[in-house]
Protein backbone atom coordinates (compact mmCIF):
# COMPACT_ATOMS: atom_id res chain seq x y z
CA MET A 1 150.82 239.03 48.88
CA PHE A 2 152.87 241.32 46.69
CA GLU A 3 156.46 240.14 46.23
CA HIS A 4 159.37 242.54 46.38
CA ALA A 5 163.16 242.67 46.53
CA PRO A 6 164.95 241.67 49.75
CA ASP A 7 165.67 244.38 52.29
CA SER A 8 169.29 245.43 52.79
CA ARG A 9 168.80 246.25 56.49
CA GLN A 10 170.21 243.93 59.12
CA PRO A 11 167.69 241.37 60.37
CA THR A 12 166.56 241.62 63.96
CA ALA A 13 164.58 239.43 66.32
CA ASP A 14 161.72 241.93 66.28
CA SER A 15 158.97 240.60 63.98
CA ARG A 16 157.69 244.18 63.66
CA GLN A 17 160.88 245.27 61.89
CA PRO A 18 159.91 247.31 58.80
CA LYS A 19 159.58 245.23 55.65
CA PRO A 20 160.99 246.36 52.32
CA GLU A 21 159.33 249.42 50.88
CA LEU A 22 156.04 248.52 49.17
CA ARG A 23 154.85 251.93 48.10
CA GLU A 24 156.97 252.27 44.98
CA PRO A 25 156.32 248.78 43.54
CA LEU A 26 152.58 249.09 44.14
CA THR A 27 152.38 252.45 42.43
CA THR A 28 154.33 251.29 39.37
CA LEU A 29 151.97 248.42 38.53
CA THR A 30 150.31 248.82 35.16
CA LEU A 31 146.56 248.77 35.67
CA GLN A 32 143.81 248.97 33.09
CA PRO A 33 140.43 250.66 33.54
CA GLY A 34 138.00 248.25 35.17
CA GLN A 35 140.68 245.99 36.64
CA ARG A 36 140.83 245.23 40.34
CA LEU A 37 144.08 245.23 42.29
CA VAL A 38 143.71 242.75 45.16
CA LEU A 39 146.15 242.98 48.04
CA ASP A 40 146.12 239.78 50.09
CA LEU A 41 147.23 240.77 53.58
CA ALA A 42 146.91 237.31 55.16
CA THR A 43 150.59 237.16 56.13
CA MET A 44 150.83 240.73 57.37
CA GLU A 45 152.09 240.73 60.94
CA PHE A 46 152.18 244.46 61.59
CA CYS A 47 150.97 247.63 59.89
CA ASP A 48 152.24 251.05 60.93
CA SER A 49 151.87 254.47 59.33
CA SER A 50 154.23 253.57 56.48
CA GLY A 51 152.07 250.55 55.65
CA LEU A 52 148.94 252.68 55.72
CA THR A 53 150.66 255.22 53.47
CA ALA A 54 151.53 252.44 51.00
CA LEU A 55 147.91 251.25 50.96
CA ILE A 56 146.64 254.79 50.35
CA ALA A 57 149.19 255.33 47.57
CA ALA A 58 148.12 252.05 45.95
CA ARG A 59 144.47 253.16 46.13
CA LYS A 60 145.29 256.52 44.52
CA HIS A 61 147.27 254.74 41.80
CA ALA A 62 144.41 252.33 41.09
CA HIS A 63 141.82 255.10 40.95
CA ALA A 64 144.03 257.21 38.66
CA ALA A 65 144.05 254.24 36.26
CA GLN A 66 140.26 253.94 36.61
CA ALA A 67 140.82 250.60 38.33
CA ASP A 68 139.58 249.29 41.63
CA ILE A 69 141.41 248.05 44.71
CA ALA A 70 140.42 245.56 47.38
CA LEU A 71 142.05 244.21 50.51
CA ALA A 72 141.73 240.51 51.22
CA ALA A 73 142.29 238.44 54.36
CA VAL A 74 143.04 241.46 56.51
CA PRO A 75 144.36 240.26 59.90
CA LEU A 76 142.26 241.33 62.89
CA ARG A 77 145.02 243.59 64.29
CA THR A 78 145.38 245.39 60.97
CA LEU A 79 141.61 245.60 60.56
CA ARG A 80 141.42 247.38 63.90
CA VAL A 81 143.96 249.94 62.70
CA LEU A 82 142.04 250.44 59.45
CA ARG A 83 138.85 251.02 61.44
CA VAL A 84 140.46 253.49 63.85
CA VAL A 85 141.73 255.69 61.02
CA GLY A 86 138.61 255.22 58.86
CA LEU A 87 140.28 253.35 56.00
CA ASP A 88 137.76 250.52 56.31
CA GLN A 89 135.34 253.01 54.73
CA ILE A 90 137.41 253.61 51.58
CA PHE A 91 138.73 250.08 50.85
CA LEU A 92 136.70 247.11 49.72
CA LEU A 93 137.39 244.40 52.31
CA HIS A 94 137.04 240.68 51.59
CA PRO A 95 137.64 237.58 53.70
CA ASP A 96 140.00 236.08 51.09
CA SER A 97 141.52 236.69 47.66
CA HIS A 98 139.05 234.39 45.94
CA SER A 99 136.04 236.41 47.06
CA ALA A 100 137.86 239.67 46.27
CA THR A 101 138.41 238.63 42.66
CA ARG A 102 134.86 237.31 42.15
CA SER A 103 132.88 240.33 43.29
């Protein structure tokens, strides 16, 4: 998955505690036309509206650079959320990063 700086918030026992902001790092990646940005979500435990917003911002950034974006290893819970809001229709979905980079 995408690596980012540690969060300054106090840790809690809740595994759904918001993770460090992803939107800004994803939208500052330098992409070239024809490239594919693959986001491996295998370790994602929870995705709320801020996570969906980050994914949409990453997609807009990729398309502005004439690049592509794909989601890999999307956990079932997150896949359900993507389906409910219709994002499964706008993202390329792959079972793993390897298949996402080969297609």
